[in-house]
Protein backbone atom coordinates (compact mmCIF):
# COMPACT_ATOMS: atom_id res chain seq x y z
CA UNK A 1 76.31 68.50 71.34
CA UNK A 2 75.48 66.04 68.49
CA UNK A 3 71.53 64.88 68.23
CA UNK A 4 70.65 61.69 68.35
CA UNK A 5 69.86 61.75 64.25
CA UNK A 6 73.43 63.07 64.20
CA UNK A 7 74.96 59.92 65.57
CA UNK A 8 72.92 57.91 63.69
CA UNK A 9 74.18 59.26 60.38
CA UNK A 10 77.60 59.14 61.45
CA UNK A 11 77.17 55.38 62.62
CA UNK A 12 75.59 54.60 59.07
CA UNK A 13 78.45 56.55 57.38
CA UNK A 14 80.82 54.73 59.55
CA UNK A 15 79.31 51.17 58.41
CA UNK A 16 79.34 52.76 54.60
CA UNK A 17 82.96 53.43 54.77
CA UNK A 18 83.84 50.03 56.34
CA UNK A 19 83.58 49.02 52.67
CA UNK A 20 83.72 45.23 51.35
CA UNK A 21 80.84 43.12 50.56
CA UNK A 22 77.36 44.36 51.45
CA UNK A 23 75.79 41.20 52.33
CA UNK A 24 77.06 41.05 56.04
CA UNK A 25 76.42 44.85 56.84
CA UNK A 26 73.21 44.58 55.42
CA UNK A 27 72.54 41.52 57.85
CA UNK A 28 74.03 43.68 60.65
CA UNK A 29 71.77 46.21 60.06
CA UNK A 30 68.83 44.09 59.69
CA UNK A 31 69.46 42.26 63.09
CA UNK A 32 70.13 45.44 64.93
CA UNK A 33 67.37 47.41 63.40
CA UNK A 34 69.52 50.67 63.79
CA UNK A 35 73.04 52.14 62.82
CA UNK A 36 73.49 52.88 66.29
CA UNK A 37 72.59 49.58 67.55
CA UNK A 38 74.64 47.86 65.05
CA UNK A 39 77.53 50.05 66.14
CA UNK A 40 77.23 49.10 69.82
CA UNK A 41 76.73 45.40 69.42
CA UNK A 42 80.86 45.23 69.42
CA UNK A 43 83.29 42.97 67.39
CA UNK A 44 81.79 39.84 68.41
CA UNK A 45 78.49 40.86 67.02
CA UNK A 46 80.02 42.13 63.81
CA UNK A 47 82.12 38.84 63.12
CA UNK A 48 78.84 36.90 63.95
CA UNK A 49 77.38 38.80 61.20
CA UNK A 50 80.08 38.09 58.45
CA UNK A 51 82.24 41.13 58.51
CA UNK A 52 86.23 40.53 58.05
CA UNK A 53 88.86 42.34 60.03
CA UNK A 54 89.28 44.93 57.88
CA UNK A 55 85.90 45.83 58.29
CA UNK A 56 85.60 45.41 62.07
CA UNK A 57 88.70 48.19 62.16
CA UNK A 58 86.95 50.64 60.24
CA UNK A 59 84.04 50.35 62.35
CA UNK A 60 86.21 50.93 65.39
CA UNK A 61 88.19 53.59 64.20
CA UNK A 62 86.65 55.82 61.35
CA UNK A 63 88.65 56.92 58.44
CA UNK A 64 89.17 60.68 57.73
CA UNK A 65 87.21 60.08 54.61
CA UNK A 66 84.25 59.67 56.65
CA UNK A 67 84.17 63.88 57.49
CA UNK A 68 84.27 64.39 53.84
CA UNK A 69 81.07 62.34 53.33
CA UNK A 70 79.58 64.14 56.65
CA UNK A 71 80.45 67.62 54.91
CA UNK A 72 78.97 66.92 51.49
CA UNK A 73 75.48 65.76 53.37
CA UNK A 74 75.62 68.95 55.62
CA UNK A 75 75.99 71.13 52.13
CA UNK A 76 72.56 71.04 51.22
CA UNK A 77 68.82 70.21 51.87
CA UNK A 78 68.72 67.91 48.75
CA UNK A 79 71.54 65.87 50.09
CA UNK A 80 70.77 62.67 51.17
CA UNK A 81 71.63 59.06 52.69
CA UNK A 82 69.17 56.30 52.61
CA UNK A 83 70.20 53.41 54.40
CA UNK A 84 69.23 49.80 54.24
CA UNK A 85 67.23 50.01 57.75
CA UNK A 86 65.50 53.45 56.39
CA UNK A 87 61.82 53.05 55.20
CA UNK A 88 62.38 55.17 52.48
CA UNK A 89 64.96 52.82 50.93
CA UNK A 90 63.45 52.14 47.39
CA UNK A 91 61.16 49.16 47.20
CA UNK A 92 62.23 47.72 43.93
CA UNK A 93 65.94 48.01 44.75
CA UNK A 94 65.19 46.30 48.11
CA UNK A 95 64.24 43.26 46.10
CA UNK A 96 66.83 43.11 43.84
CA UNK A 97 69.81 40.72 44.15
CA UNK A 98 72.79 42.32 45.87
CA UNK A 99 71.02 45.64 46.92
CA UNK A 100 73.42 48.52 48.29
CA UNK A 101 73.59 48.84 51.87
CA UNK A 102 73.08 52.70 51.33
CA UNK A 103 72.55 55.33 48.51
CA UNK A 104 74.11 58.57 48.79
CA UNK A 105 71.27 61.08 47.05
CA UNK A 106 71.73 64.35 45.32
CA UNK A 107 68.04 65.47 44.45
CA UNK A 108 64.89 64.28 45.55
CA UNK A 109 65.00 60.68 47.00
CA UNK A 110 61.21 60.09 46.29
CA UNK A 111 62.75 59.83 42.43
CA UNK A 112 63.89 56.76 43.53
CA UNK A 113 60.51 55.16 44.15
CA UNK A 114 58.80 56.46 40.99
CA UNK A 115 57.77 53.87 38.32
CA UNK A 116 60.82 53.97 35.97
CA UNK A 117 62.36 52.32 32.74
CA UNK A 118 66.20 51.61 32.13
CA UNK A 119 67.49 52.75 29.22
CA UNK A 120 71.02 52.24 28.45
CA UNK A 121 73.23 51.39 25.33
CA UNK A 122 76.85 52.29 23.63
CA UNK A 123 78.98 54.92 24.70
CA UNK A 124 79.43 55.21 20.89
CA UNK A 125 76.05 55.21 19.29
CA UNK A 126 75.24 56.08 15.98
CA UNK A 127 73.14 59.09 15.01
CA UNK A 128 70.19 57.13 14.84
CA UNK A 129 70.98 55.07 17.93
CA UNK A 130 71.08 58.49 19.99
CA UNK A 131 67.74 60.02 18.32
CA UNK A 132 66.06 56.68 19.21
CA UNK A 133 67.08 56.58 22.55
CA UNK A 134 65.85 60.35 23.16
CA UNK A 135 62.66 59.43 21.47
CA UNK A 136 61.82 56.51 23.92
CA UNK A 137 62.79 58.64 26.76
CA UNK A 138 60.46 61.31 25.79
CA UNK A 139 57.48 59.03 25.17
CA UNK A 140 58.52 57.17 28.69
CA UNK A 141 58.06 60.43 30.62
CA UNK A 142 54.82 61.31 28.63
CA UNK A 143 53.55 58.22 29.98
CA UNK A 144 54.40 59.33 33.49
CA UNK A 145 57.66 56.77 33.69
CA UNK A 146 60.88 57.80 35.14
CA UNK A 147 64.05 56.99 33.19
CA UNK A 148 66.99 55.86 35.03
CA UNK A 149 70.31 55.40 33.51
CA UNK A 150 74.21 55.69 34.57
CA UNK A 151 75.10 59.03 32.95
CA UNK A 152 77.44 57.61 30.83
CA UNK A 153 78.21 59.43 27.43
CA UNK A 154 76.02 58.24 24.29
CA UNK A 155 72.79 56.40 24.96
CA UNK A 156 72.47 57.30 28.44
CA UNK A 157 73.11 60.88 28.55
CA UNK A 158 70.75 61.10 25.52
CA UNK A 159 67.90 59.41 27.54
CA UNK A 160 68.74 61.56 30.56
CA UNK A 161 68.93 64.95 28.69
CA UNK A 162 65.52 64.04 26.47
CA UNK A 163 63.61 63.43 29.56
CA UNK A 164 64.48 66.64 31.39
CA UNK A 165 63.74 68.54 28.17
CA UNK A 166 60.36 67.03 27.96
CA UNK A 167 59.60 68.28 31.59
CA UNK A 168 60.04 64.42 32.76
CA UNK A 169 61.86 62.91 36.01
CA UNK A 170 65.25 60.92 35.32
CA UNK A 171 67.77 59.48 37.83
CA UNK A 172 71.41 59.00 37.10
CA UNK A 173 73.32 56.18 39.00
CA UNK A 174 76.88 56.69 39.22
CA UNK A 175 79.81 54.10 39.16
CA UNK A 176 81.84 57.01 40.91
CA UNK A 177 81.42 58.74 44.26
CA UNK A 178 78.20 60.88 44.39
CA UNK A 179 80.18 64.11 43.74
CA UNK A 180 82.69 62.78 41.09
CA UNK A 181 80.39 63.23 37.62
CA UNK A 182 81.74 60.97 35.19
CA UNK A 183 82.44 61.38 32.42
CA UNK A 184 83.56 64.70 33.65
CA UNK A 185 82.01 66.03 30.01
CA UNK A 186 78.49 65.43 31.73
CA UNK A 187 78.65 67.62 34.83
CA UNK A 188 76.50 70.04 33.55
CA UNK A 189 73.97 67.44 32.89
CA UNK A 190 74.95 65.98 36.53
CA UNK A 191 73.72 69.04 38.04
CA UNK A 192 70.54 69.65 36.07
CA UNK A 193 69.62 66.02 36.98
CA UNK A 194 70.02 66.52 40.33
CA UNK A 195 68.36 69.58 40.18
CA UNK A 196 65.15 68.30 38.68
CA UNK A 197 65.22 64.22 39.45
CA UNK A 198 68.03 62.37 41.59
CA UNK A 199 71.79 61.40 41.25
CA UNK A 200 72.71 58.50 43.33
CA UNK A 201 75.62 56.40 44.14
CA UNK A 202 76.52 53.72 46.68
CA UNK A 203 80.00 55.23 46.64
CA UNK A 204 80.67 58.16 49.11
CA UNK A 205 82.28 61.62 48.35
CA UNK A 206 85.66 61.68 46.81
CA UNK A 207 85.41 57.89 45.22
CA UNK A 208 87.28 58.43 41.52
CA UNK A 209 85.61 56.26 38.82
CA UNK A 210 87.17 52.91 38.54
CA UNK A 211 86.31 50.11 35.96
CA UNK A 212 85.40 47.43 38.55
CA UNK A 213 82.69 49.75 40.06
CA UNK A 214 80.64 50.08 36.70
CA UNK A 215 79.16 46.44 36.95
CA UNK A 216 78.02 47.32 40.25
CA UNK A 217 76.53 50.52 39.44
CA UNK A 218 74.70 48.76 36.67
CA UNK A 219 72.88 46.30 39.10
CA UNK A 220 71.61 49.42 40.88
CA UNK A 221 70.32 50.77 37.36
CA UNK A 222 68.45 47.38 36.79
CA UNK A 223 67.29 47.09 40.40
CA UNK A 224 65.51 50.52 40.62
CA UNK A 225 63.62 49.85 37.27
CA UNK A 226 60.69 47.75 36.05
CA UNK A 227 62.42 46.93 32.70
CA UNK A 228 65.41 47.73 31.25
CA UNK A 229 65.30 48.73 27.39
CA UNK A 230 69.12 48.42 25.56
CA UNK A 231 69.32 50.78 22.60
CA UNK A 232 72.29 49.97 20.77
CA UNK A 233 75.15 48.15 21.97
CA UNK A 234 78.28 46.31 20.81
CA UNK A 235 78.56 42.39 20.90
CA UNK A 236 80.77 43.05 24.59
CA UNK A 237 79.06 45.69 26.03
CA UNK A 238 78.47 47.20 29.74
CA UNK A 239 74.88 47.68 28.78
CA UNK A 240 74.73 43.45 28.32
CA UNK A 241 75.67 43.67 31.74
CA UNK A 242 72.72 45.44 33.09
CA UNK A 243 70.39 43.54 30.82
CA UNK A 244 71.50 40.59 32.48
CA UNK A 245 71.10 42.00 35.93
CA UNK A 246 67.72 42.98 35.09
CA UNK A 247 66.43 39.43 34.01
CA UNK A 248 68.26 38.33 37.03
CA UNK A 249 66.17 40.59 39.25
CA UNK A 250 63.14 39.37 37.38
CA UNK A 251 62.54 42.34 35.50
CA UNK A 252 61.91 42.86 31.57
CA UNK A 253 64.24 43.19 29.09
CA UNK A 254 63.53 45.10 25.93
CA UNK A 255 65.97 45.24 22.91
CA UNK A 256 65.68 47.43 20.01
CA UNK A 257 66.87 45.35 16.64
CA UNK A 258 68.99 46.87 14.01
CA UNK A 259 70.74 46.49 10.79
CA UNK A 260 73.06 43.36 10.47
CA UNK A 261 75.85 45.70 9.23
CA UNK A 262 75.64 47.74 12.40
CA UNK A 263 78.16 46.63 14.54
CA UNK A 264 76.14 48.77 17.29
CA UNK A 265 73.23 46.07 16.92
CA UNK A 266 74.82 42.84 17.80
CA UNK A 267 74.47 43.25 21.39
CA UNK A 268 70.50 43.81 20.96
CA UNK A 269 70.84 41.08 18.50
CA UNK A 270 72.18 38.58 21.38
CA UNK A 271 69.43 39.72 23.81
CA UNK A 272 66.79 38.83 21.42
CA UNK A 273 68.43 35.56 20.79
CA UNK A 274 68.53 34.86 24.47
CA UNK A 275 65.09 35.98 25.05
CA UNK A 276 64.66 39.89 25.67
CA UNK A 277 61.39 41.15 23.93
CA UNK A 278 61.71 42.69 20.68
CA UNK A 279 60.13 46.40 20.54
CA UNK A 280 60.08 48.99 17.65
CA UNK A 281 57.83 51.48 19.78
CA UNK A 282 57.89 52.73 23.19
CA UNK A 283 54.26 51.89 23.51
CA UNK A 284 55.02 48.56 23.09
CA UNK A 285 57.47 48.95 26.45
CA UNK A 286 54.73 51.23 28.14
CA UNK A 287 52.03 48.37 27.84
CA UNK A 288 54.25 45.87 29.25
CA UNK A 289 54.92 47.73 32.12
CA UNK A 290 51.53 49.52 33.16
CA UNK A 291 50.41 46.49 35.43
CA UNK A 292 54.26 46.66 37.24
CA UNK A 293 54.07 50.37 37.74
CA UNK A 294 50.60 50.03 39.36
CA UNK A 295 52.19 47.21 41.79
CA UNK A 296 54.53 49.86 42.59
CA UNK A 297 52.24 52.51 43.34
CA UNK A 298 50.72 50.08 45.70
CA UNK A 299 53.98 49.71 47.77
CA UNK A 300 54.35 53.60 47.60
CA UNK A 301 50.89 53.92 49.40
CA UNK A 302 51.76 51.47 51.88
CA UNK A 303 54.82 53.62 53.03
CA UNK A 304 52.92 56.67 53.13
CA UNK A 305 49.04 57.05 54.47
CA UNK A 306 47.29 58.04 51.52
CA UNK A 307 44.12 58.67 50.21
CA UNK A 308 42.72 55.62 48.42
CA UNK A 309 40.89 55.50 45.10
CA UNK A 310 37.05 54.73 45.58
CA UNK A 311 34.04 56.78 45.05
CA UNK A 312 35.56 60.36 44.53
CA UNK A 313 37.52 60.73 41.12
CA UNK A 314 39.51 63.35 43.01
CA UNK A 315 40.46 64.20 46.71
CA UNK A 316 37.51 65.89 48.68
CA UNK A 317 38.48 69.49 49.84
CA UNK A 318 39.24 69.92 53.54
CA UNK A 319 36.15 70.49 54.87
CA UNK A 320 34.47 67.30 53.29
CA UNK A 321 33.27 65.15 55.99
CA UNK A 322 34.68 62.25 54.04
CA UNK A 323 38.79 63.61 54.13
CA UNK A 324 41.18 60.95 54.30
CA UNK A 325 42.43 60.32 58.03
CA UNK A 326 45.70 62.09 56.83
CA UNK A 327 44.98 65.89 57.22
CA UNK A 328 48.39 66.82 55.47
CA UNK A 329 46.70 65.40 52.26
CA UNK A 330 43.89 67.71 52.47
CA UNK A 331 46.56 70.72 53.10
CA UNK A 332 48.33 69.85 49.94
CA UNK A 333 45.09 69.44 47.96
CA UNK A 334 44.20 73.04 49.24
CA UNK A 335 47.48 74.48 48.23
CA UNK A 336 47.07 73.18 44.92
CA UNK A 337 45.41 74.92 42.23
CA UNK A 338 44.97 74.15 38.28
CA UNK A 339 47.47 76.84 37.64
CA UNK A 340 51.11 74.71 38.07
CA UNK A 341 52.74 75.89 41.20
CA UNK A 342 56.49 75.48 42.26
CA UNK A 343 57.34 73.36 45.35
CA UNK A 344 58.56 76.99 47.12
CA UNK A 345 54.86 77.86 46.82
CA UNK A 346 53.42 74.89 47.82
CA UNK A 347 55.94 74.66 51.10
CA UNK A 348 54.76 78.28 52.08
CA UNK A 349 50.96 77.28 51.54
CA UNK A 350 50.84 73.96 53.04
CA UNK A 351 53.29 74.36 55.82
CA UNK A 352 54.96 71.10 54.77
CA UNK A 353 58.48 70.10 54.44
CA UNK A 354 59.88 69.71 50.91
CA UNK A 355 60.43 65.86 51.76
CA UNK A 356 56.95 65.10 52.66
CA UNK A 357 55.16 67.13 49.63
CA UNK A 358 57.51 65.33 47.45
CA UNK A 359 56.35 61.85 48.65
CA UNK A 360 52.57 62.83 48.56
CA UNK A 361 52.66 64.73 45.27
CA UNK A 362 54.35 61.49 43.57
CA UNK A 363 51.38 59.15 45.17
CA UNK A 364 48.68 61.55 43.94
CA UNK A 365 50.61 61.81 40.48
CA UNK A 366 50.56 58.01 40.44
CA UNK A 367 46.64 57.89 41.27
CA UNK A 368 46.06 60.52 38.16
CA UNK A 369 45.22 63.39 40.68
CA UNK A 370 48.03 65.73 40.15
CA UNK A 371 49.94 66.90 36.71
CA UNK A 372 53.46 67.38 37.04
CA UNK A 373 55.69 69.31 34.40
CA UNK A 374 58.86 71.23 34.62
CA UNK A 375 59.19 70.78 38.59
CA UNK A 376 55.08 72.57 38.85
CA UNK A 377 52.30 70.90 39.97
CA UNK A 378 48.57 71.41 39.34
CA UNK A 379 45.34 69.61 40.09
CA UNK A 380 44.12 67.08 37.23
CA UNK A 381 41.11 68.59 35.52
């Protein structure tokens, strides 16, 4: 017999597969508060929320493709579907224009909450542009920021790979189904990102890459990040769409200038004329985003009961009378040492789930209590 949570997941999948515009389906979920209740409302409620006839038909008779989505989700513990109704839906993305109804996530869903910078640019950059993207990405992760991009060839791939090589966190947003890396040459990079960060898509498994889906992908890249950096871009470039969407969302836009003889610099120069911030070093970006990252950390603390910063500079030991109200943090702190420990070790020592540990470790990392490198965690000395 299907459990209540199974039925809720199937109801959310049915809403996802209904397709079409997201605004009406988001409204339906907001009013119902839950996917099961949204389906139970029936055609009259669906139409009142703005769903069209085709969407209502899918809600009444789910397509065969829904089974493929369910199979993909059931294939591993690191596969997730975050819906608009879910408290784990990323806070920054929720504030962006036209947020997706749901995100399929391969990897750690808490990575989507991490303070991040989007690094985007040409699919055919110069060698210097590729090196610049990699150097900036390494500096960003060293400063505690995640790198978000679209897993495209060129600048995107260089930024993702550099973040991983530096032991940092990176998030890839796809313009295809979550199980459809695009381009195919980035299949190995897709797997690396899923293992060490997160790959996400609003498109169900099996959805092929289509030209019209990439601008939609770009709005998620911009919406998840505190700011967007354009490294190299031609005068007509998808990276400029991402930058425009970032500006529309009230986020910072940065551009690196280039030679007037380089056609890949013309898009950046256009952004600079339109008011983007000219940057020549990663430190300029980091300094601008630092206060915004602190605000995002506050959002995460509201989502998770976390130890508050105060008199002590590190969490107290479990036996301390002033231990925080949530005992899970004390169990995690007791499980951590000054030597790096992997997630499996922390699960075994604390008895907590991977999802719970990942979320708490992120809060403690943002507070400066924990260091993370190459997927291993230790107390910060």
